[in-house]
């Protein structure tokens, strides 16, 4: 009689909002970078989608490969390529640690430069 050494515990599904929360926290950890915020036109366009993070788009292809499109602002004076690489590294590490998911792509879109107050 052959014994099976594996135990099927079912499946785990992670809601996109949970993944977006993890991604947002990882972006916030990068100095001089922030995710785009809701403005009036984004609020209108995202109203029915209920997207709490308009700067995070999570895509899944037919082979279940997951890609990210991230829209951020950077503070004036920050090296943009370095900031983008830091975002990618931070997001990959946080998501890998938390939900053990690897991304096919993490694309960073710099939407603007934040000049700061006065």
N, C-alpha and C. Protein backbone atom coordinates (compact mmCIF):
# COMPACT_ATOMS: atom_id res chain seq x y z
N UNK A 1 0.84 -1.17 0.00
CA UNK A 1 0.00 0.00 0.00
C UNK A 1 0.89 1.24 0.00
N UNK A 2 0.65 2.15 -0.94
CA UNK A 2 1.44 3.37 -1.09
C UNK A 2 0.81 4.50 -0.27
N UNK A 3 1.64 5.15 0.53
CA UNK A 3 1.17 6.27 1.33
C UNK A 3 1.46 7.58 0.61
N UNK A 4 0.51 8.49 0.65
CA UNK A 4 0.69 9.81 0.06
C UNK A 4 1.25 10.73 1.15
N UNK A 5 2.40 11.35 0.87
CA UNK A 5 3.05 12.22 1.85
C UNK A 5 2.58 13.66 1.79
N UNK A 6 1.62 13.96 0.94
CA UNK A 6 1.14 15.33 0.84
C UNK A 6 -0.26 15.45 1.42
N UNK A 7 -0.56 16.64 1.85
CA UNK A 7 -1.86 16.94 2.41
C UNK A 7 -2.42 18.15 1.69
N UNK A 8 -3.56 18.02 1.06
CA UNK A 8 -4.19 19.12 0.34
C UNK A 8 -5.00 19.95 1.34
N UNK A 9 -4.58 21.19 1.53
CA UNK A 9 -5.26 22.07 2.48
C UNK A 9 -6.18 23.07 1.79
N UNK A 10 -6.43 22.88 0.50
CA UNK A 10 -7.31 23.79 -0.22
C UNK A 10 -6.52 24.89 -0.90
N UNK A 11 -7.20 25.97 -1.22
CA UNK A 11 -6.55 27.07 -1.91
C UNK A 11 -6.66 28.36 -1.10
N UNK A 12 -5.78 29.29 -1.41
CA UNK A 12 -5.79 30.60 -0.77
C UNK A 12 -6.02 31.63 -1.86
N UNK A 13 -6.99 32.49 -1.64
CA UNK A 13 -7.26 33.58 -2.57
C UNK A 13 -7.03 34.90 -1.85
N UNK A 14 -6.30 35.78 -2.52
CA UNK A 14 -5.98 37.07 -1.93
C UNK A 14 -6.68 38.14 -2.76
N UNK A 15 -7.48 38.95 -2.11
CA UNK A 15 -8.22 40.00 -2.80
C UNK A 15 -7.26 41.07 -3.29
N UNK A 16 -7.58 41.66 -4.43
CA UNK A 16 -6.73 42.70 -5.01
C UNK A 16 -6.55 43.88 -4.05
N UNK A 17 -7.55 44.18 -3.24
CA UNK A 17 -7.43 45.29 -2.29
C UNK A 17 -6.34 45.01 -1.26
N UNK A 18 -6.22 43.76 -0.84
CA UNK A 18 -5.18 43.39 0.13
C UNK A 18 -3.81 43.56 -0.51
N UNK A 19 -3.67 43.09 -1.74
CA UNK A 19 -2.42 43.24 -2.46
C UNK A 19 -2.09 44.72 -2.66
N UNK A 20 -3.09 45.53 -2.99
CA UNK A 20 -2.89 46.97 -3.16
C UNK A 20 -2.44 47.63 -1.86
N UNK A 21 -2.97 47.20 -0.73
CA UNK A 21 -2.55 47.73 0.58
C UNK A 21 -1.07 47.44 0.83
N UNK A 22 -0.65 46.23 0.52
CA UNK A 22 0.76 45.84 0.70
C UNK A 22 1.65 46.68 -0.21
N UNK A 23 1.23 46.83 -1.46
CA UNK A 23 2.00 47.60 -2.44
C UNK A 23 2.09 49.06 -2.01
N UNK A 24 0.98 49.63 -1.56
CA UNK A 24 0.97 51.02 -1.11
C UNK A 24 1.93 51.22 0.06
N UNK A 25 1.93 50.30 1.01
CA UNK A 25 2.84 50.40 2.16
C UNK A 25 4.30 50.34 1.71
N UNK A 26 4.58 49.49 0.73
CA UNK A 26 5.95 49.38 0.21
C UNK A 26 6.37 50.67 -0.49
N UNK A 27 5.47 51.28 -1.24
CA UNK A 27 5.78 52.54 -1.92
C UNK A 27 6.03 53.65 -0.89
N UNK A 28 5.22 53.68 0.16
CA UNK A 28 5.39 54.70 1.19
C UNK A 28 6.74 54.60 1.90
N UNK A 29 7.36 53.43 1.87
CA UNK A 29 8.65 53.25 2.53
C UNK A 29 9.81 53.83 1.73
N UNK A 30 9.56 54.19 0.47
CA UNK A 30 10.60 54.77 -0.38
C UNK A 30 10.60 56.29 -0.19
N UNK A 31 11.73 56.83 0.21
CA UNK A 31 11.84 58.26 0.48
C UNK A 31 11.65 59.09 -0.78
N UNK A 32 10.83 60.13 -0.68
CA UNK A 32 10.64 61.06 -1.78
C UNK A 32 9.66 60.62 -2.85
N UNK A 33 8.89 59.57 -2.57
CA UNK A 33 7.95 59.02 -3.54
C UNK A 33 6.58 58.89 -2.89
N UNK A 34 5.54 59.18 -3.66
CA UNK A 34 4.19 58.93 -3.17
C UNK A 34 3.30 58.49 -4.32
N UNK A 35 2.37 57.64 -4.02
CA UNK A 35 1.39 57.16 -4.97
C UNK A 35 0.47 58.32 -5.35
N UNK A 36 0.01 58.36 -6.60
CA UNK A 36 -0.90 59.44 -6.98
C UNK A 36 -2.14 59.36 -6.11
N UNK A 37 -2.73 60.51 -5.87
CA UNK A 37 -3.91 60.61 -5.02
C UNK A 37 -5.15 60.81 -5.87
N UNK A 38 -6.29 60.60 -5.24
CA UNK A 38 -7.57 60.85 -5.93
C UNK A 38 -7.70 62.34 -6.23
N UNK A 39 -8.04 62.67 -7.45
CA UNK A 39 -8.49 64.01 -7.75
C UNK A 39 -9.90 63.86 -8.31
N UNK A 40 -10.54 64.94 -8.67
CA UNK A 40 -11.94 64.84 -9.07
C UNK A 40 -12.16 63.90 -10.24
N UNK A 41 -11.34 64.02 -11.31
CA UNK A 41 -11.54 63.16 -12.48
C UNK A 41 -11.26 61.70 -12.16
N UNK A 42 -10.24 61.44 -11.31
CA UNK A 42 -9.98 60.06 -10.91
C UNK A 42 -11.13 59.52 -10.06
N UNK A 43 -11.68 60.36 -9.19
CA UNK A 43 -12.79 59.91 -8.36
C UNK A 43 -13.98 59.52 -9.23
N UNK A 44 -14.26 60.32 -10.25
CA UNK A 44 -15.39 60.01 -11.13
C UNK A 44 -15.13 58.72 -11.89
N UNK A 45 -13.93 58.59 -12.48
CA UNK A 45 -13.63 57.42 -13.30
C UNK A 45 -13.51 56.14 -12.47
N UNK A 46 -13.10 56.27 -11.21
CA UNK A 46 -12.92 55.10 -10.36
C UNK A 46 -14.14 54.80 -9.48
N UNK A 47 -15.18 55.63 -9.56
CA UNK A 47 -16.32 55.50 -8.66
C UNK A 47 -16.91 54.10 -8.66
N UNK A 48 -17.15 53.56 -9.82
CA UNK A 48 -17.80 52.26 -9.90
C UNK A 48 -16.83 51.10 -9.70
N UNK A 49 -15.56 51.34 -9.89
CA UNK A 49 -14.57 50.29 -9.71
C UNK A 49 -14.17 50.14 -8.25
N UNK A 50 -14.48 51.13 -7.44
CA UNK A 50 -14.14 51.12 -6.02
C UNK A 50 -12.65 50.86 -5.77
N UNK A 51 -11.83 51.56 -6.52
CA UNK A 51 -10.39 51.44 -6.41
C UNK A 51 -9.89 52.44 -5.37
N UNK A 52 -9.40 51.95 -4.23
CA UNK A 52 -8.90 52.83 -3.18
C UNK A 52 -7.54 53.42 -3.52
N UNK A 53 -6.84 52.81 -4.45
CA UNK A 53 -5.51 53.25 -4.84
C UNK A 53 -5.48 53.43 -6.36
N UNK A 54 -5.81 54.64 -6.83
CA UNK A 54 -5.88 54.84 -8.28
C UNK A 54 -4.53 54.69 -8.98
N UNK A 55 -3.44 54.76 -8.23
CA UNK A 55 -2.12 54.63 -8.82
C UNK A 55 -1.62 53.20 -8.92
N UNK A 56 -2.44 52.24 -8.52
CA UNK A 56 -2.04 50.84 -8.57
C UNK A 56 -3.00 50.09 -9.49
N UNK A 57 -2.46 49.53 -10.55
CA UNK A 57 -3.24 48.69 -11.45
C UNK A 57 -2.61 47.30 -11.46
N UNK A 58 -3.38 46.31 -11.05
CA UNK A 58 -2.91 44.93 -10.99
C UNK A 58 -3.52 44.19 -12.17
N UNK A 59 -2.65 43.61 -13.01
CA UNK A 59 -3.10 42.91 -14.19
C UNK A 59 -2.72 41.44 -14.09
N UNK A 60 -3.60 40.57 -14.57
CA UNK A 60 -3.32 39.14 -14.61
C UNK A 60 -3.60 38.64 -16.02
N UNK A 61 -2.63 37.95 -16.62
CA UNK A 61 -2.85 37.45 -17.99
C UNK A 61 -3.47 36.06 -17.94
N UNK A 62 -3.70 35.49 -19.11
CA UNK A 62 -4.38 34.19 -19.19
C UNK A 62 -3.56 33.05 -18.60
N UNK A 63 -2.26 33.26 -18.40
CA UNK A 63 -1.41 32.25 -17.78
C UNK A 63 -1.21 32.51 -16.29
N UNK A 64 -2.00 33.43 -15.74
CA UNK A 64 -1.98 33.81 -14.32
C UNK A 64 -0.68 34.50 -13.91
N UNK A 65 0.01 35.12 -14.86
CA UNK A 65 1.16 35.96 -14.53
C UNK A 65 0.63 37.33 -14.12
N UNK A 66 1.16 37.85 -13.04
CA UNK A 66 0.68 39.11 -12.50
C UNK A 66 1.69 40.22 -12.81
N UNK A 67 1.18 41.34 -13.31
CA UNK A 67 1.98 42.53 -13.59
C UNK A 67 1.38 43.72 -12.87
N UNK A 68 2.23 44.71 -12.59
CA UNK A 68 1.78 45.92 -11.92
C UNK A 68 2.09 47.14 -12.77
N UNK A 69 1.18 48.10 -12.72
CA UNK A 69 1.38 49.44 -13.27
C UNK A 69 1.22 50.37 -12.08
N UNK A 70 2.28 51.09 -11.73
CA UNK A 70 2.26 51.98 -10.58
C UNK A 70 2.47 53.41 -11.03
N UNK A 71 1.60 54.32 -10.58
CA UNK A 71 1.69 55.74 -10.94
C UNK A 71 2.05 56.52 -9.68
N UNK A 72 3.18 57.22 -9.76
CA UNK A 72 3.69 57.91 -8.59
C UNK A 72 4.15 59.33 -8.92
N UNK A 73 4.27 60.12 -7.88
CA UNK A 73 4.93 61.42 -7.92
C UNK A 73 6.26 61.26 -7.19
N UNK A 74 7.27 61.99 -7.64
CA UNK A 74 8.54 62.01 -6.92
C UNK A 74 8.83 63.44 -6.48
N UNK A 75 9.53 63.57 -5.37
CA UNK A 75 9.91 64.87 -4.85
C UNK A 75 10.99 65.47 -5.75
N UNK A 76 10.92 66.76 -5.97
CA UNK A 76 11.91 67.46 -6.77
C UNK A 76 13.31 67.21 -6.21
N UNK A 77 14.24 66.88 -7.08
CA UNK A 77 15.62 66.63 -6.67
C UNK A 77 15.96 65.17 -6.50
N UNK A 78 14.96 64.31 -6.50
CA UNK A 78 15.17 62.86 -6.37
C UNK A 78 15.59 62.31 -7.73
N UNK A 79 16.56 61.40 -7.74
CA UNK A 79 16.97 60.74 -8.97
C UNK A 79 15.86 59.77 -9.37
N UNK A 80 15.23 60.06 -10.50
CA UNK A 80 14.03 59.30 -10.91
C UNK A 80 14.33 57.83 -11.20
N UNK A 81 15.37 57.49 -11.98
CA UNK A 81 15.64 56.06 -12.20
C UNK A 81 15.93 55.30 -10.90
N UNK A 82 16.69 55.93 -9.98
CA UNK A 82 16.97 55.28 -8.70
C UNK A 82 15.69 55.08 -7.89
N UNK A 83 14.83 56.09 -7.88
CA UNK A 83 13.57 55.99 -7.15
C UNK A 83 12.70 54.87 -7.73
N UNK A 84 12.64 54.77 -9.04
CA UNK A 84 11.84 53.72 -9.69
C UNK A 84 12.38 52.34 -9.33
N UNK A 85 13.69 52.18 -9.34
CA UNK A 85 14.29 50.89 -8.96
C UNK A 85 14.01 50.57 -7.49
N UNK A 86 14.07 51.58 -6.63
CA UNK A 86 13.78 51.37 -5.21
C UNK A 86 12.33 50.94 -5.01
N UNK A 87 11.42 51.55 -5.77
CA UNK A 87 10.01 51.16 -5.69
C UNK A 87 9.87 49.70 -6.09
N UNK A 88 10.46 49.32 -7.22
CA UNK A 88 10.37 47.95 -7.69
C UNK A 88 10.92 46.96 -6.66
N UNK A 89 12.08 47.29 -6.11
CA UNK A 89 12.70 46.41 -5.11
C UNK A 89 11.85 46.30 -3.86
N UNK A 90 11.36 47.43 -3.37
CA UNK A 90 10.55 47.45 -2.15
C UNK A 90 9.24 46.68 -2.34
N UNK A 91 8.58 46.90 -3.48
CA UNK A 91 7.31 46.21 -3.75
C UNK A 91 7.54 44.71 -3.89
N UNK A 92 8.54 44.32 -4.67
CA UNK A 92 8.83 42.88 -4.84
C UNK A 92 9.09 42.22 -3.49
N UNK A 93 9.92 42.84 -2.66
CA UNK A 93 10.26 42.25 -1.37
C UNK A 93 9.05 42.15 -0.45
N UNK A 94 8.25 43.21 -0.37
CA UNK A 94 7.08 43.20 0.53
C UNK A 94 6.06 42.16 0.10
N UNK A 95 5.79 42.09 -1.19
CA UNK A 95 4.79 41.13 -1.67
C UNK A 95 5.32 39.70 -1.56
N UNK A 96 6.58 39.49 -1.87
CA UNK A 96 7.17 38.15 -1.76
C UNK A 96 7.12 37.68 -0.30
N UNK A 97 7.46 38.58 0.63
CA UNK A 97 7.46 38.23 2.05
C UNK A 97 6.05 37.95 2.57
N UNK A 98 5.10 38.74 2.13
CA UNK A 98 3.75 38.67 2.69
C UNK A 98 2.88 37.60 2.05
N UNK A 99 2.88 37.52 0.71
CA UNK A 99 1.96 36.58 0.04
C UNK A 99 2.66 35.61 -0.90
N UNK A 100 4.01 35.64 -0.92
CA UNK A 100 4.79 34.72 -1.73
C UNK A 100 4.38 34.74 -3.20
N UNK A 101 4.33 35.95 -3.75
CA UNK A 101 3.93 36.14 -5.14
C UNK A 101 5.04 36.87 -5.87
N UNK A 102 5.39 36.36 -7.05
CA UNK A 102 6.37 37.02 -7.90
C UNK A 102 5.66 37.69 -9.06
N UNK A 103 6.12 38.87 -9.43
CA UNK A 103 5.51 39.61 -10.53
C UNK A 103 6.25 39.38 -11.84
N UNK A 104 5.49 39.33 -12.90
CA UNK A 104 6.08 39.28 -14.23
C UNK A 104 6.75 40.62 -14.52
N UNK A 105 6.05 41.72 -14.27
CA UNK A 105 6.55 43.07 -14.51
C UNK A 105 6.05 44.00 -13.41
N UNK A 106 6.90 44.98 -13.08
CA UNK A 106 6.47 46.10 -12.25
C UNK A 106 6.87 47.35 -13.02
N UNK A 107 5.90 48.00 -13.63
CA UNK A 107 6.14 49.19 -14.44
C UNK A 107 5.81 50.43 -13.62
N UNK A 108 6.76 51.35 -13.58
CA UNK A 108 6.61 52.58 -12.81
C UNK A 108 6.36 53.73 -13.78
N UNK A 109 5.30 54.47 -13.54
CA UNK A 109 4.98 55.66 -14.33
C UNK A 109 5.12 56.87 -13.43
N UNK A 110 6.08 57.74 -13.75
CA UNK A 110 6.27 58.97 -12.99
C UNK A 110 5.27 59.98 -13.54
N UNK A 111 4.27 60.32 -12.74
CA UNK A 111 3.18 61.18 -13.17
C UNK A 111 3.45 62.66 -12.92
N UNK A 112 4.46 62.94 -12.08
CA UNK A 112 4.75 64.34 -11.83
C UNK A 112 5.84 64.50 -10.79
N UNK A 113 6.24 65.75 -10.63
CA UNK A 113 7.26 66.11 -9.65
C UNK A 113 6.58 66.94 -8.57
N UNK A 114 6.79 66.57 -7.34
CA UNK A 114 6.23 67.28 -6.19
C UNK A 114 7.25 68.33 -5.75
N UNK A 115 6.88 69.59 -5.85
CA UNK A 115 7.81 70.68 -5.54
C UNK A 115 7.86 71.00 -4.06
N UNK A 116 6.89 70.58 -3.31
CA UNK A 116 6.89 70.86 -1.87
C UNK A 116 6.29 72.22 -1.56
N UNK A 117 6.25 72.53 -0.30
CA UNK A 117 5.64 73.77 0.18
C UNK A 117 6.69 74.87 0.25
N UNK A 118 6.35 76.02 -0.33
CA UNK A 118 7.07 77.25 -0.27
C UNK A 118 8.52 77.17 -0.31
